[in-house]
Amino acid sequence: MARAMYKLAVETSKLSHVIAYSHGVDEEALKKLQAKCTDEVKRINGAVTFEDAYRFQNEQIMLDNWRNKRAVL
């Protein structure tokens, strides 16, 4: 079990580095993400799914687009 967790940690680290490199996330956004993820994991007892994250991110994109359009008007 420990070996499997180690391998999973290595894979997670690789993904984190690729994502951080390819998406210039600033410090403030990173702090907000840390708080959001901490709250989410506590609330759902650690069972985060890709589908839930996908839905959340798409809702955020739609809200951001809506806000940007209103700001232009």
PDB file of N, CA and C in Angstrom:
ATOM      1  N   MET A   1       0.817  -1.186   0.000  1.00  0.00           N
ATOM      2  CA  MET A   1       0.000   0.000   0.000  1.00  0.00           C
ATOM      3  C   MET A   1       0.866   1.257   0.000  1.00  0.00           C
ATOM      4  N   ALA A   2       1.935   1.267   0.782  1.00  0.00           N
ATOM      5  CA  ALA A   2       2.807   2.438   0.854  1.00  0.00           C
ATOM      6  C   ALA A   2       3.449   2.721  -0.501  1.00  0.00           C
ATOM      7  N   ARG A   3       3.813   1.671  -1.232  1.00  0.00           N
ATOM      8  CA  ARG A   3       4.422   1.843  -2.556  1.00  0.00           C
ATOM      9  C   ARG A   3       3.414   2.453  -3.524  1.00  0.00           C
ATOM     10  N   ALA A   4       2.191   2.011  -3.460  1.00  0.00           N
ATOM     11  CA  ALA A   4       1.149   2.558  -4.334  1.00  0.00           C
ATOM     12  C   ALA A   4       0.901   4.038  -4.012  1.00  0.00           C
ATOM     13  N   MET A   5       0.898   4.386  -2.733  1.00  0.00           N
ATOM     14  CA  MET A   5       0.695   5.787  -2.349  1.00  0.00           C
ATOM     15  C   MET A   5       1.872   6.643  -2.805  1.00  0.00           C
ATOM     16  N   TYR A   6       3.077   6.108  -2.742  1.00  0.00           N
ATOM     17  CA  TYR A   6       4.259   6.827  -3.208  1.00  0.00           C
ATOM     18  C   TYR A   6       4.144   7.094  -4.715  1.00  0.00           C
ATOM     19  N   LYS A   7       3.782   6.067  -5.467  1.00  0.00           N
ATOM     20  CA  LYS A   7       3.636   6.230  -6.916  1.00  0.00           C
ATOM     21  C   LYS A   7       2.549   7.252  -7.240  1.00  0.00           C
ATOM     22  N   LEU A   8       1.467   7.215  -6.498  1.00  0.00           N
ATOM     23  CA  LEU A   8       0.385   8.169  -6.705  1.00  0.00           C
ATOM     24  C   LEU A   8       0.857   9.589  -6.391  1.00  0.00           C
ATOM     25  N   ALA A   9       1.642   9.745  -5.344  1.00  0.00           N
ATOM     26  CA  ALA A   9       2.175  11.062  -4.989  1.00  0.00           C
ATOM     27  C   ALA A   9       3.099  11.593  -6.086  1.00  0.00           C
ATOM     28  N   VAL A  10       3.901  10.724  -6.676  1.00  0.00           N
ATOM     29  CA  VAL A  10       4.787  11.131  -7.767  1.00  0.00           C
ATOM     30  C   VAL A  10       3.959  11.589  -8.966  1.00  0.00           C
ATOM     31  N   GLU A  11       2.940  10.838  -9.314  1.00  0.00           N
ATOM     32  CA  GLU A  11       2.076  11.214 -10.438  1.00  0.00           C
ATOM     33  C   GLU A  11       1.353  12.529 -10.171  1.00  0.00           C
ATOM     34  N   THR A  12       0.884  12.711  -8.959  1.00  0.00           N
ATOM     35  CA  THR A  12       0.212  13.952  -8.594  1.00  0.00           C
ATOM     36  C   THR A  12       1.179  15.125  -8.691  1.00  0.00           C
ATOM     37  N   SER A  13       2.394  14.921  -8.248  1.00  0.00           N
ATOM     38  CA  SER A  13       3.408  15.966  -8.332  1.00  0.00           C
ATOM     39  C   SER A  13       3.689  16.341  -9.782  1.00  0.00           C
ATOM     40  N   LYS A  14       3.798  15.349 -10.655  1.00  0.00           N
ATOM     41  CA  LYS A  14       4.039  15.621 -12.075  1.00  0.00           C
ATOM     42  C   LYS A  14       2.889  16.438 -12.657  1.00  0.00           C
ATOM     43  N   LEU A  15       1.673  16.035 -12.358  1.00  0.00           N
ATOM     44  CA  LEU A  15       0.510  16.767 -12.864  1.00  0.00           C
ATOM     45  C   LEU A  15       0.493  18.201 -12.336  1.00  0.00           C
ATOM     46  N   SER A  16       0.791  18.371 -11.075  1.00  0.00           N
ATOM     47  CA  SER A  16       0.798  19.705 -10.478  1.00  0.00           C
ATOM     48  C   SER A  16       1.811  20.611 -11.174  1.00  0.00           C
ATOM     49  N   HIS A  17       2.981  20.081 -11.437  1.00  0.00           N
ATOM     50  CA  HIS A  17       4.013  20.883 -12.097  1.00  0.00           C
ATOM     51  C   HIS A  17       3.635  21.230 -13.527  1.00  0.00           C
ATOM     52  N   VAL A  18       3.075  20.301 -14.258  1.00  0.00           N
ATOM     53  CA  VAL A  18       2.658  20.571 -15.635  1.00  0.00           C
ATOM     54  C   VAL A  18       1.560  21.624 -15.663  1.00  0.00           C
ATOM     55  N   ILE A  19       0.592  21.484 -14.786  1.00  0.00           N
ATOM     56  CA  ILE A  19      -0.513  22.437 -14.745  1.00  0.00           C
ATOM     57  C   ILE A  19      -0.014  23.818 -14.327  1.00  0.00           C
ATOM     58  N   ALA A  20       0.813  23.875 -13.301  1.00  0.00           N
ATOM     59  CA  ALA A  20       1.343  25.162 -12.838  1.00  0.00           C
ATOM     60  C   ALA A  20       2.169  25.842 -13.931  1.00  0.00           C
ATOM     61  N   TYR A  21       2.922  25.059 -14.666  1.00  0.00           N
ATOM     62  CA  TYR A  21       3.748  25.610 -15.741  1.00  0.00           C
ATOM     63  C   TYR A  21       2.893  26.148 -16.881  1.00  0.00           C
ATOM     64  N   SER A  22       1.852  25.409 -17.235  1.00  0.00           N
ATOM     65  CA  SER A  22       1.075  25.769 -18.419  1.00  0.00           C
ATOM     66  C   SER A  22      -0.029  26.795 -18.164  1.00  0.00           C
ATOM     67  N   HIS A  23      -0.375  27.037 -16.904  1.00  0.00           N
ATOM     68  CA  HIS A  23      -1.448  27.984 -16.571  1.00  0.00           C
ATOM     69  C   HIS A  23      -0.940  28.998 -15.564  1.00  0.00           C
ATOM     70  N   GLY A  24      -0.398  30.077 -16.004  1.00  0.00           N
ATOM     71  CA  GLY A  24       0.183  31.074 -15.109  1.00  0.00           C
ATOM     72  C   GLY A  24      -0.759  31.515 -13.993  1.00  0.00           C
ATOM     73  N   VAL A  25      -0.819  30.743 -12.935  1.00  0.00           N
ATOM     74  CA  VAL A  25      -1.688  31.046 -11.795  1.00  0.00           C
ATOM     75  C   VAL A  25      -0.943  31.973 -10.843  1.00  0.00           C
ATOM     76  N   ASP A  26      -1.579  33.094 -10.468  1.00  0.00           N
ATOM     77  CA  ASP A  26      -0.915  34.009  -9.546  1.00  0.00           C
ATOM     78  C   ASP A  26      -1.102  33.557  -8.097  1.00  0.00           C
ATOM     79  N   GLU A  27      -0.360  34.195  -7.198  1.00  0.00           N
ATOM     80  CA  GLU A  27      -0.364  33.802  -5.782  1.00  0.00           C
ATOM     81  C   GLU A  27      -1.745  33.927  -5.151  1.00  0.00           C
ATOM     82  N   GLU A  28      -2.467  34.993  -5.466  1.00  0.00           N
ATOM     83  CA  GLU A  28      -3.792  35.206  -4.875  1.00  0.00           C
ATOM     84  C   GLU A  28      -4.762  34.099  -5.305  1.00  0.00           C
ATOM     85  N   ALA A  29      -4.741  33.753  -6.583  1.00  0.00           N
ATOM     86  CA  ALA A  29      -5.611  32.677  -7.076  1.00  0.00           C
ATOM     87  C   ALA A  29      -5.235  31.350  -6.437  1.00  0.00           C
ATOM     88  N   LEU A  30      -3.948  31.134  -6.242  1.00  0.00           N
ATOM     89  CA  LEU A  30      -3.475  29.900  -5.618  1.00  0.00           C
ATOM     90  C   LEU A  30      -3.955  29.801  -4.169  1.00  0.00           C
ATOM     91  N   LYS A  31      -3.919  30.912  -3.444  1.00  0.00           N
ATOM     92  CA  LYS A  31      -4.405  30.922  -2.060  1.00  0.00           C
ATOM     93  C   LYS A  31      -5.902  30.628  -2.003  1.00  0.00           C
ATOM     94  N   LYS A  32      -6.664  31.234  -2.929  1.00  0.00           N
ATOM     95  CA  LYS A  32      -8.107  30.988  -2.982  1.00  0.00           C
ATOM     96  C   LYS A  32      -8.395  29.532  -3.321  1.00  0.00           C
ATOM     97  N   LEU A  33      -7.615  28.971  -4.242  1.00  0.00           N
ATOM     98  CA  LEU A  33      -7.796  27.571  -4.624  1.00  0.00           C
ATOM     99  C   LEU A  33      -7.485  26.647  -3.457  1.00  0.00           C
ATOM    100  N   GLN A  34      -6.422  26.951  -2.718  1.00  0.00           N
ATOM    101  CA  GLN A  34      -6.061  26.141  -1.544  1.00  0.00           C
ATOM    102  C   GLN A  34      -7.207  26.122  -0.540  1.00  0.00           C
ATOM    103  N   ALA A  35      -7.763  27.291  -0.245  1.00  0.00           N
ATOM    104  CA  ALA A  35      -8.874  27.383   0.711  1.00  0.00           C
ATOM    105  C   ALA A  35     -10.101  26.635   0.199  1.00  0.00           C
ATOM    106  N   LYS A  36     -10.413  26.805  -1.084  1.00  0.00           N
ATOM    107  CA  LYS A  36     -11.576  26.132  -1.670  1.00  0.00           C
ATOM    108  C   LYS A  36     -11.415  24.617  -1.610  1.00  0.00           C
ATOM    109  N   CYS A  37     -10.238  24.134  -1.975  1.00  0.00           N
ATOM    110  CA  CYS A  37      -9.995  22.681  -1.987  1.00  0.00           C
ATOM    111  C   CYS A  37      -9.999  22.108  -0.572  1.00  0.00           C
ATOM    112  N   THR A  38      -9.428  22.837   0.379  1.00  0.00           N
ATOM    113  CA  THR A  38      -9.431  22.389   1.773  1.00  0.00           C
ATOM    114  C   THR A  38     -10.860  22.250   2.280  1.00  0.00           C
ATOM    115  N   ASP A  39     -11.670  23.273   2.039  1.00  0.00           N
ATOM    116  CA  ASP A  39     -13.075  23.224   2.462  1.00  0.00           C
ATOM    117  C   ASP A  39     -13.829  22.090   1.783  1.00  0.00           C
ATOM    118  N   GLU A  40     -13.570  21.919   0.485  1.00  0.00           N
ATOM    119  CA  GLU A  40     -14.258  20.878  -0.275  1.00  0.00           C
ATOM    120  C   GLU A  40     -13.919  19.483   0.246  1.00  0.00           C
ATOM    121  N   VAL A  41     -12.642  19.237   0.487  1.00  0.00           N
ATOM    122  CA  VAL A  41     -12.221  17.913   0.968  1.00  0.00           C
ATOM    123  C   VAL A  41     -12.813  17.629   2.346  1.00  0.00           C
ATOM    124  N   LYS A  42     -12.843  18.641   3.214  1.00  0.00           N
ATOM    125  CA  LYS A  42     -13.461  18.461   4.529  1.00  0.00           C
ATOM    126  C   LYS A  42     -14.946  18.154   4.389  1.00  0.00           C
ATOM    127  N   ARG A  43     -15.620  18.917   3.511  1.00  0.00           N
ATOM    128  CA  ARG A  43     -17.068  18.783   3.350  1.00  0.00           C
ATOM    129  C   ARG A  43     -17.467  17.415   2.795  1.00  0.00           C
ATOM    130  N   ILE A  44     -16.692  16.909   1.848  1.00  0.00           N
ATOM    131  CA  ILE A  44     -17.078  15.658   1.191  1.00  0.00           C
ATOM    132  C   ILE A  44     -16.222  14.475   1.625  1.00  0.00           C
ATOM    133  N   ASN A  45     -15.474  14.660   2.694  1.00  0.00           N
ATOM    134  CA  ASN A  45     -14.677  13.587   3.274  1.00  0.00           C
ATOM    135  C   ASN A  45     -13.643  13.014   2.302  1.00  0.00           C
ATOM    136  N   GLY A  46     -13.064  13.878   1.473  1.00  0.00           N
ATOM    137  CA  GLY A  46     -11.954  13.475   0.624  1.00  0.00           C
ATOM    138  C   GLY A  46     -12.305  12.831  -0.700  1.00  0.00           C
ATOM    139  N   ALA A  47     -13.558  12.721  -1.035  1.00  0.00           N
ATOM    140  CA  ALA A  47     -13.955  12.042  -2.272  1.00  0.00           C
ATOM    141  C   ALA A  47     -14.207  13.048  -3.391  1.00  0.00           C
ATOM    142  N   VAL A  48     -13.161  13.719  -3.855  1.00  0.00           N
ATOM    143  CA  VAL A  48     -13.284  14.687  -4.944  1.00  0.00           C
ATOM    144  C   VAL A  48     -13.270  13.935  -6.265  1.00  0.00           C
ATOM    145  N   THR A  49     -14.222  14.254  -7.122  1.00  0.00           N
ATOM    146  CA  THR A  49     -14.248  13.610  -8.435  1.00  0.00           C
ATOM    147  C   THR A  49     -13.872  14.615  -9.509  1.00  0.00           C
ATOM    148  N   PHE A  50     -13.365  14.125 -10.600  1.00  0.00           N
ATOM    149  CA  PHE A  50     -13.036  14.976 -11.736  1.00  0.00           C
ATOM    150  C   PHE A  50     -14.288  15.663 -12.253  1.00  0.00           C
ATOM    151  N   GLU A  51     -15.376  14.935 -12.272  1.00  0.00           N
ATOM    152  CA  GLU A  51     -16.633  15.494 -12.782  1.00  0.00           C
ATOM    153  C   GLU A  51     -17.088  16.704 -11.963  1.00  0.00           C
ATOM    154  N   ASP A  52     -16.975  16.612 -10.648  1.00  0.00           N
ATOM    155  CA  ASP A  52     -17.355  17.740  -9.800  1.00  0.00           C
ATOM    156  C   ASP A  52     -16.453  18.949 -10.059  1.00  0.00           C
ATOM    157  N   ALA A  53     -15.161  18.720 -10.176  1.00  0.00           N
ATOM    158  CA  ALA A  53     -14.221  19.810 -10.450  1.00  0.00           C
ATOM    159  C   ALA A  53     -14.509  20.422 -11.821  1.00  0.00           C
ATOM    160  N   TYR A  54     -14.809  19.587 -12.798  1.00  0.00           N
ATOM    161  CA  TYR A  54     -15.129  20.061 -14.153  1.00  0.00           C
ATOM    162  C   TYR A  54     -16.363  20.960 -14.133  1.00  0.00           C
ATOM    163  N   ARG A  55     -17.400  20.503 -13.442  1.00  0.00           N
ATOM    164  CA  ARG A  55     -18.630  21.303 -13.355  1.00  0.00           C
ATOM    165  C   ARG A  55     -18.365  22.637 -12.662  1.00  0.00           C
ATOM    166  N   PHE A  56     -17.623  22.614 -11.565  1.00  0.00           N
ATOM    167  CA  PHE A  56     -17.310  23.847 -10.842  1.00  0.00           C
ATOM    168  C   PHE A  56     -16.541  24.814 -11.734  1.00  0.00           C
ATOM    169  N   GLN A  57     -15.517  24.323 -12.417  1.00  0.00           N
ATOM    170  CA  GLN A  57     -14.705  25.188 -13.261  1.00  0.00           C
ATOM    171  C   GLN A  57     -15.516  25.775 -14.410  1.00  0.00           C
ATOM    172  N   ASN A  58     -16.384  24.986 -15.008  1.00  0.00           N
ATOM    173  CA  ASN A  58     -17.203  25.503 -16.101  1.00  0.00           C
ATOM    174  C   ASN A  58     -18.207  26.535 -15.609  1.00  0.00           C
ATOM    175  N   GLU A  59     -18.728  26.356 -14.410  1.00  0.00           N
ATOM    176  CA  GLU A  59     -19.608  27.375 -13.827  1.00  0.00           C
ATOM    177  C   GLU A  59     -18.827  28.667 -13.616  1.00  0.00           C
ATOM    178  N   GLN A  60     -17.587  28.563 -13.139  1.00  0.00           N
ATOM    179  CA  GLN A  60     -16.759  29.748 -12.923  1.00  0.00           C
ATOM    180  C   GLN A  60     -16.481  30.455 -14.244  1.00  0.00           C
ATOM    181  N   ILE A  61     -16.196  29.707 -15.291  1.00  0.00           N
ATOM    182  CA  ILE A  61     -15.922  30.301 -16.603  1.00  0.00           C
ATOM    183  C   ILE A  61     -17.159  31.033 -17.098  1.00  0.00           C
ATOM    184  N   MET A  62     -18.326  30.421 -16.958  1.00  0.00           N
ATOM    185  CA  MET A  62     -19.562  31.064 -17.396  1.00  0.00           C
ATOM    186  C   MET A  62     -19.802  32.344 -16.603  1.00  0.00           C
ATOM    187  N   LEU A  63     -19.578  32.319 -15.279  1.00  0.00           N
ATOM    188  CA  LEU A  63     -19.747  33.519 -14.457  1.00  0.00           C
ATOM    189  C   LEU A  63     -18.756  34.610 -14.855  1.00  0.00           C
ATOM    190  N   ASP A  64     -17.505  34.229 -15.089  1.00  0.00           N
ATOM    191  CA  ASP A  64     -16.496  35.201 -15.493  1.00  0.00           C
ATOM    192  C   ASP A  64     -16.857  35.841 -16.835  1.00  0.00           C
ATOM    193  N   ASN A  65     -17.317  35.026 -17.779  1.00  0.00           N
ATOM    194  CA  ASN A  65     -17.719  35.555 -19.081  1.00  0.00           C
ATOM    195  C   ASN A  65     -18.894  36.518 -18.936  1.00  0.00           C
ATOM    196  N   TRP A  66     -19.848  36.163 -18.109  1.00  0.00           N
ATOM    197  CA  TRP A  66     -21.008  37.007 -17.879  1.00  0.00           C
ATOM    198  C   TRP A  66     -20.581  38.340 -17.258  1.00  0.00           C
ATOM    199  N   ARG A  67     -19.692  38.266 -16.267  1.00  0.00           N
ATOM    200  CA  ARG A  67     -19.213  39.484 -15.606  1.00  0.00           C
ATOM    201  C   ARG A  67     -18.441  40.365 -16.589  1.00  0.00           C
ATOM    202  N   ASN A  68     -17.616  39.750 -17.427  1.00  0.00           N
ATOM    203  CA  ASN A  68     -16.839  40.518 -18.402  1.00  0.00           C
ATOM    204  C   ASN A  68     -17.755  41.217 -19.402  1.00  0.00           C
ATOM    205  N   LYS A  69     -18.794  40.560 -19.839  1.00  0.00           N
ATOM    206  CA  LYS A  69     -19.729  41.169 -20.787  1.00  0.00           C
ATOM    207  C   LYS A  69     -20.454  42.340 -20.133  1.00  0.00           C
ATOM    208  N   ARG A  70     -20.825  42.195 -18.864  1.00  0.00           N
ATOM    209  CA  ARG A  70     -21.511  43.285 -18.157  1.00  0.00           C
ATOM    210  C   ARG A  70     -20.582  44.470 -17.962  1.00  0.00           C
ATOM    211  N   ALA A  71     -19.300  44.203 -17.724  1.00  0.00           N
ATOM    212  CA  ALA A  71     -18.347  45.277 -17.491  1.00  0.00           C
ATOM    213  C   ALA A  71     -18.164  46.126 -18.759  1.00  0.00           C
ATOM    214  N   VAL A  72     -18.275  45.483 -19.917  1.00  0.00           N
ATOM    215  CA  VAL A  72     -18.116  46.187 -21.195  1.00  0.00           C
ATOM    216  C   VAL A  72     -19.331  47.053 -21.465  1.00  0.00           C
ATOM    217  N   LEU A  73     -20.493  46.580 -21.064  1.00  0.00           N
ATOM    218  CA  LEU A  73     -21.724  47.335 -21.315  1.00  0.00           C
ATOM    219  C   LEU A  73     -21.707  48.538 -20.457  1.00  0.00           C
TER     220      LEU A  73
END
